[in-house]
Amino acid sequence: MTEEEAIAFVEARRGQLSIEDDMEFASAERAIVRYKADPSVPGPVEDRIAWIIKLENATSFVEVHVDDARRQILNVRRSS
């Protein structure tokens, strides 16, 4: 998956991910992230290569981790 594909993947899912309309693309980087299918229960954690797409507005941000190989959302992190 290229950077452009990862950005488009997130943009196409804005509604599904509850990303506010006024949030704009801020950055993209590919990194190794820790992933656990259900973080609420004990179990193994995997390292995955993912695109971290960050969108922001004047008061908050959202980071979406997109699995590079599987093209799936791994995590959505929001500012408080």
C-alpha atoms as a PDB file:
ATOM      1  CA  MET A   1       0.000   0.000   0.000  1.00  0.00           C
ATOM      2  CA  THR A   2       1.372   3.397  -0.903  1.00  0.00           C
ATOM      3  CA  GLU A   3       1.035   6.525   1.203  1.00  0.00           C
ATOM      4  CA  GLU A   4      -1.571   7.893  -1.199  1.00  0.00           C
ATOM      5  CA  GLU A   5      -3.587   4.656  -1.018  1.00  0.00           C
ATOM      6  CA  ALA A   6      -3.508   4.720   2.789  1.00  0.00           C
ATOM      7  CA  ILE A   7      -4.730   8.322   2.879  1.00  0.00           C
ATOM      8  CA  ALA A   8      -7.524   7.540   0.399  1.00  0.00           C
ATOM      9  CA  PHE A   9      -8.454   4.435   2.438  1.00  0.00           C
ATOM     10  CA  VAL A  10      -8.967   6.583   5.555  1.00  0.00           C
ATOM     11  CA  GLU A  11     -10.701   9.412   3.686  1.00  0.00           C
ATOM     12  CA  ALA A  12     -13.207   6.948   2.204  1.00  0.00           C
ATOM     13  CA  ARG A  13     -14.100   5.787   5.724  1.00  0.00           C
ATOM     14  CA  ARG A  14     -14.451   9.175   7.461  1.00  0.00           C
ATOM     15  CA  GLY A  15     -18.111   8.598   8.344  1.00  0.00           C
ATOM     16  CA  GLN A  16     -17.544   5.046   9.527  1.00  0.00           C
ATOM     17  CA  LEU A  17     -14.664   6.244  11.731  1.00  0.00           C
ATOM     18  CA  SER A  18     -16.581   9.305  13.024  1.00  0.00           C
ATOM     19  CA  ILE A  19     -13.940  11.732  11.780  1.00  0.00           C
ATOM     20  CA  GLU A  20     -15.214  15.292  11.877  1.00  0.00           C
ATOM     21  CA  ASP A  21     -15.692  17.081   8.549  1.00  0.00           C
ATOM     22  CA  ASP A  22     -13.378  19.950   9.493  1.00  0.00           C
ATOM     23  CA  MET A  23     -10.403  17.665  10.174  1.00  0.00           C
ATOM     24  CA  GLU A  24      -7.706  17.957   7.549  1.00  0.00           C
ATOM     25  CA  PHE A  25      -4.855  15.671   6.613  1.00  0.00           C
ATOM     26  CA  ALA A  26      -1.768  16.498   8.700  1.00  0.00           C
ATOM     27  CA  SER A  27       0.719  13.664   8.156  1.00  0.00           C
ATOM     28  CA  ALA A  28       1.370  10.074   7.145  1.00  0.00           C
ATOM     29  CA  GLU A  29       4.149   7.738   8.158  1.00  0.00           C
ATOM     30  CA  ARG A  30       4.757   4.025   7.944  1.00  0.00           C
ATOM     31  CA  ALA A  31       5.849   2.421  11.204  1.00  0.00           C
ATOM     32  CA  ILE A  32       5.720  -0.754  13.230  1.00  0.00           C
ATOM     33  CA  VAL A  33       2.749  -0.659  15.616  1.00  0.00           C
ATOM     34  CA  ARG A  34       1.586  -3.032  18.311  1.00  0.00           C
ATOM     35  CA  TYR A  35      -1.788  -4.640  17.572  1.00  0.00           C
ATOM     36  CA  LYS A  36      -4.144  -6.735  19.642  1.00  0.00           C
ATOM     37  CA  ALA A  37      -7.478  -7.870  18.207  1.00  0.00           C
ATOM     38  CA  ASP A  38      -9.333  -7.309  21.491  1.00  0.00           C
ATOM     39  CA  PRO A  39      -7.388  -5.041  23.852  1.00  0.00           C
ATOM     40  CA  SER A  40      -9.857  -5.670  26.689  1.00  0.00           C
ATOM     41  CA  VAL A  41      -8.780  -9.298  27.195  1.00  0.00           C
ATOM     42  CA  PRO A  42      -5.361 -10.821  27.899  1.00  0.00           C
ATOM     43  CA  GLY A  43      -3.577 -12.359  24.973  1.00  0.00           C
ATOM     44  CA  PRO A  44      -0.783 -12.016  22.477  1.00  0.00           C
ATOM     45  CA  VAL A  45       0.210  -8.737  20.885  1.00  0.00           C
ATOM     46  CA  GLU A  46       1.501  -8.588  17.304  1.00  0.00           C
ATOM     47  CA  ASP A  47       3.844  -6.144  15.638  1.00  0.00           C
ATOM     48  CA  ARG A  48       2.387  -4.934  12.340  1.00  0.00           C
ATOM     49  CA  ILE A  49       3.634  -2.552   9.680  1.00  0.00           C
ATOM     50  CA  ALA A  50       1.037   0.172   9.376  1.00  0.00           C
ATOM     51  CA  TRP A  51       0.439   3.580   7.944  1.00  0.00           C
ATOM     52  CA  ILE A  52      -0.304   6.134  10.649  1.00  0.00           C
ATOM     53  CA  ILE A  53      -2.581   8.738   9.092  1.00  0.00           C
ATOM     54  CA  LYS A  54      -3.094  11.856  11.196  1.00  0.00           C
ATOM     55  CA  LEU A  55      -5.930  14.311  10.664  1.00  0.00           C
ATOM     56  CA  GLU A  56      -6.443  17.414  12.772  1.00  0.00           C
ATOM     57  CA  ASN A  57      -8.398  20.596  13.292  1.00  0.00           C
ATOM     58  CA  ALA A  58      -7.756  23.569  15.570  1.00  0.00           C
ATOM     59  CA  THR A  59      -8.634  21.691  18.762  1.00  0.00           C
ATOM     60  CA  SER A  60      -8.080  17.964  18.250  1.00  0.00           C
ATOM     61  CA  PHE A  61      -6.562  15.179  16.182  1.00  0.00           C
ATOM     62  CA  VAL A  62      -7.236  11.615  15.074  1.00  0.00           C
ATOM     63  CA  GLU A  63      -4.608   9.007  14.232  1.00  0.00           C
ATOM     64  CA  VAL A  64      -5.720   6.019  12.187  1.00  0.00           C
ATOM     65  CA  HIS A  65      -3.454   2.969  11.964  1.00  0.00           C
ATOM     66  CA  VAL A  66      -3.944   1.104   8.673  1.00  0.00           C
ATOM     67  CA  ASP A  67      -2.318  -2.304   8.230  1.00  0.00           C
ATOM     68  CA  ASP A  68       0.006  -1.978   5.238  1.00  0.00           C
ATOM     69  CA  ALA A  69      -0.372  -5.551   3.969  1.00  0.00           C
ATOM     70  CA  ARG A  70      -3.939  -6.417   5.008  1.00  0.00           C
ATOM     71  CA  ARG A  71      -5.576  -3.035   4.289  1.00  0.00           C
ATOM     72  CA  GLN A  72      -7.525  -2.971   7.521  1.00  0.00           C
ATOM     73  CA  ILE A  73      -8.006  -0.440  10.304  1.00  0.00           C
ATOM     74  CA  LEU A  74      -5.985  -1.561  13.314  1.00  0.00           C
ATOM     75  CA  ASN A  75      -6.589   1.310  15.706  1.00  0.00           C
ATOM     76  CA  VAL A  76      -8.075   4.780  15.929  1.00  0.00           C
ATOM     77  CA  ARG A  77      -6.557   7.123  18.487  1.00  0.00           C
ATOM     78  CA  ARG A  78      -8.194  10.450  19.327  1.00  0.00           C
ATOM     79  CA  SER A  79      -7.041  13.419  21.350  1.00  0.00           C
ATOM     80  CA  SER A  80      -9.051  14.105  24.486  1.00  0.00           C
END
